[in-house]
Amino acid sequence: MKVVRGFTGLLAGGLVALVLALGVAWIIADAQGAPGPGPVRMIGHLVAAAVAVAAQRYVDRHPDGRGLLAALVVVAVTVAVLVIAWLV
């Protein structure tokens, strides 16, 4: 379970880093009058990062079957963000 917790923690942290990077890109694009990520994309990424971090906190506090289900939530949210926002 320790490896799973580490992996899902990395995924949740990556989503937070992605939100921060998109925020910087949005500010820079807005300052230059260029099209940027936009508010819908930002809100989607923010919600996904919040859900992943909340699920990861649950994973860290429950090293049992319920924690494993929460770990699957982190993986599913990360995959959904990458597929929906970046591959489609």
C-alpha atoms as a PDB file:
ATOM      1  CA  MET A   1       0.000   0.000   0.000  1.00  0.00           C
ATOM      2  CA  LYS A   2       2.974   2.294   0.569  1.00  0.00           C
ATOM      3  CA  VAL A   3       3.878   2.231  -3.128  1.00  0.00           C
ATOM      4  CA  VAL A   4       0.269   2.914  -4.109  1.00  0.00           C
ATOM      5  CA  ARG A   5       0.108   5.866  -1.694  1.00  0.00           C
ATOM      6  CA  GLY A   6       3.319   7.267  -3.125  1.00  0.00           C
ATOM      7  CA  PHE A   7       2.170   6.872  -6.709  1.00  0.00           C
ATOM      8  CA  THR A   8      -1.233   8.440  -6.158  1.00  0.00           C
ATOM      9  CA  GLY A   9       0.366  11.224  -4.129  1.00  0.00           C
ATOM     10  CA  LEU A  10       2.574  11.939  -7.107  1.00  0.00           C
ATOM     11  CA  LEU A  11      -0.459  12.038  -9.398  1.00  0.00           C
ATOM     12  CA  ALA A  12      -2.390  14.378  -7.080  1.00  0.00           C
ATOM     13  CA  GLY A  13       0.638  16.656  -6.752  1.00  0.00           C
ATOM     14  CA  GLY A  14       1.030  16.641 -10.517  1.00  0.00           C
ATOM     15  CA  LEU A  15      -2.540  17.851 -10.942  1.00  0.00           C
ATOM     16  CA  VAL A  16      -1.872  20.690  -8.499  1.00  0.00           C
ATOM     17  CA  ALA A  17       1.285  21.623 -10.409  1.00  0.00           C
ATOM     18  CA  LEU A  18      -0.695  21.517 -13.655  1.00  0.00           C
ATOM     19  CA  VAL A  19      -3.287  23.928 -12.232  1.00  0.00           C
ATOM     20  CA  LEU A  20      -0.535  26.311 -11.153  1.00  0.00           C
ATOM     21  CA  ALA A  21       1.143  26.144 -14.570  1.00  0.00           C
ATOM     22  CA  LEU A  22      -2.176  26.760 -16.329  1.00  0.00           C
ATOM     23  CA  GLY A  23      -2.816  29.720 -14.039  1.00  0.00           C
ATOM     24  CA  VAL A  24       0.521  31.266 -14.995  1.00  0.00           C
ATOM     25  CA  ALA A  25      -0.164  30.580 -18.682  1.00  0.00           C
ATOM     26  CA  TRP A  26      -3.596  32.193 -18.356  1.00  0.00           C
ATOM     27  CA  ILE A  27      -2.133  35.327 -16.748  1.00  0.00           C
ATOM     28  CA  ILE A  28       0.595  35.632 -19.377  1.00  0.00           C
ATOM     29  CA  ALA A  29      -1.813  35.037 -22.261  1.00  0.00           C
ATOM     30  CA  ASP A  30      -4.282  37.556 -20.872  1.00  0.00           C
ATOM     31  CA  ALA A  31      -1.551  40.182 -20.451  1.00  0.00           C
ATOM     32  CA  GLN A  32      -0.470  39.733 -24.069  1.00  0.00           C
ATOM     33  CA  GLY A  33      -3.993  39.590 -25.473  1.00  0.00           C
ATOM     34  CA  ALA A  34      -3.498  36.026 -26.671  1.00  0.00           C
ATOM     35  CA  PRO A  35      -5.964  33.183 -26.260  1.00  0.00           C
ATOM     36  CA  GLY A  36      -5.225  31.208 -23.125  1.00  0.00           C
ATOM     37  CA  PRO A  37      -6.647  28.260 -21.214  1.00  0.00           C
ATOM     38  CA  GLY A  38      -9.879  30.094 -20.375  1.00  0.00           C
ATOM     39  CA  PRO A  39     -12.060  29.972 -17.286  1.00  0.00           C
ATOM     40  CA  VAL A  40     -13.857  26.698 -18.059  1.00  0.00           C
ATOM     41  CA  ARG A  41     -10.594  24.801 -18.442  1.00  0.00           C
ATOM     42  CA  MET A  42      -9.192  26.412 -15.292  1.00  0.00           C
ATOM     43  CA  ILE A  43     -12.278  25.542 -13.234  1.00  0.00           C
ATOM     44  CA  GLY A  44     -12.221  21.973 -14.524  1.00  0.00           C
ATOM     45  CA  HIS A  45      -8.589  21.539 -13.592  1.00  0.00           C
ATOM     46  CA  LEU A  46      -9.149  23.159 -10.187  1.00  0.00           C
ATOM     47  CA  VAL A  47     -12.051  20.834  -9.391  1.00  0.00           C
ATOM     48  CA  ALA A  48     -10.100  17.788 -10.539  1.00  0.00           C
ATOM     49  CA  ALA A  49      -7.071  18.766  -8.444  1.00  0.00           C
ATOM     50  CA  ALA A  50      -9.259  19.372  -5.382  1.00  0.00           C
ATOM     51  CA  VAL A  51     -10.963  15.975  -5.773  1.00  0.00           C
ATOM     52  CA  ALA A  52      -7.607  14.232  -6.253  1.00  0.00           C
ATOM     53  CA  VAL A  53      -6.045  15.911  -3.206  1.00  0.00           C
ATOM     54  CA  ALA A  54      -9.086  15.106  -1.046  1.00  0.00           C
ATOM     55  CA  ALA A  55      -9.007  11.474  -2.191  1.00  0.00           C
ATOM     56  CA  GLN A  56      -5.267  11.323  -1.564  1.00  0.00           C
ATOM     57  CA  ARG A  57      -5.737  12.595   1.983  1.00  0.00           C
ATOM     58  CA  TYR A  58      -8.202   9.752   2.488  1.00  0.00           C
ATOM     59  CA  VAL A  59      -5.705   7.275   1.043  1.00  0.00           C
ATOM     60  CA  ASP A  60      -3.026   8.480   3.448  1.00  0.00           C
ATOM     61  CA  ARG A  61      -5.320   8.093   6.468  1.00  0.00           C
ATOM     62  CA  HIS A  62      -6.947   4.752   5.614  1.00  0.00           C
ATOM     63  CA  PRO A  63      -4.459   1.999   4.698  1.00  0.00           C
ATOM     64  CA  ASP A  64      -7.229  -0.520   4.057  1.00  0.00           C
ATOM     65  CA  GLY A  65      -9.627  -1.413   1.243  1.00  0.00           C
ATOM     66  CA  ARG A  66     -11.390   1.948   1.404  1.00  0.00           C
ATOM     67  CA  GLY A  67      -8.037   3.681   1.020  1.00  0.00           C
ATOM     68  CA  LEU A  68      -7.364   1.575  -2.056  1.00  0.00           C
ATOM     69  CA  LEU A  69     -10.698   2.657  -3.550  1.00  0.00           C
ATOM     70  CA  ALA A  70      -9.765   6.283  -2.888  1.00  0.00           C
ATOM     71  CA  ALA A  71      -6.444   5.636  -4.644  1.00  0.00           C
ATOM     72  CA  LEU A  72      -8.406   4.439  -7.665  1.00  0.00           C
ATOM     73  CA  VAL A  73     -10.343   7.726  -7.560  1.00  0.00           C
ATOM     74  CA  VAL A  74      -7.053   9.647  -7.762  1.00  0.00           C
ATOM     75  CA  VAL A  75      -5.934   7.582 -10.755  1.00  0.00           C
ATOM     76  CA  ALA A  76      -9.331   7.892 -12.466  1.00  0.00           C
ATOM     77  CA  VAL A  77      -9.477  11.672 -11.998  1.00  0.00           C
ATOM     78  CA  THR A  78      -5.944  12.074 -13.331  1.00  0.00           C
ATOM     79  CA  VAL A  79      -6.629   9.916 -16.373  1.00  0.00           C
ATOM     80  CA  ALA A  80      -9.911  11.740 -17.013  1.00  0.00           C
ATOM     81  CA  VAL A  81      -8.219  15.156 -16.923  1.00  0.00           C
ATOM     82  CA  LEU A  82      -5.439  14.074 -19.226  1.00  0.00           C
ATOM     83  CA  VAL A  83      -7.781  12.424 -21.713  1.00  0.00           C
ATOM     84  CA  ILE A  84     -10.577  15.008 -21.717  1.00  0.00           C
ATOM     85  CA  ALA A  85      -8.530  18.194 -21.491  1.00  0.00           C
ATOM     86  CA  TRP A  86      -5.342  17.263 -23.307  1.00  0.00           C
ATOM     87  CA  LEU A  87      -6.057  14.466 -25.778  1.00  0.00           C
ATOM     88  CA  VAL A  88      -9.514  15.376 -27.055  1.00  0.00           C
END
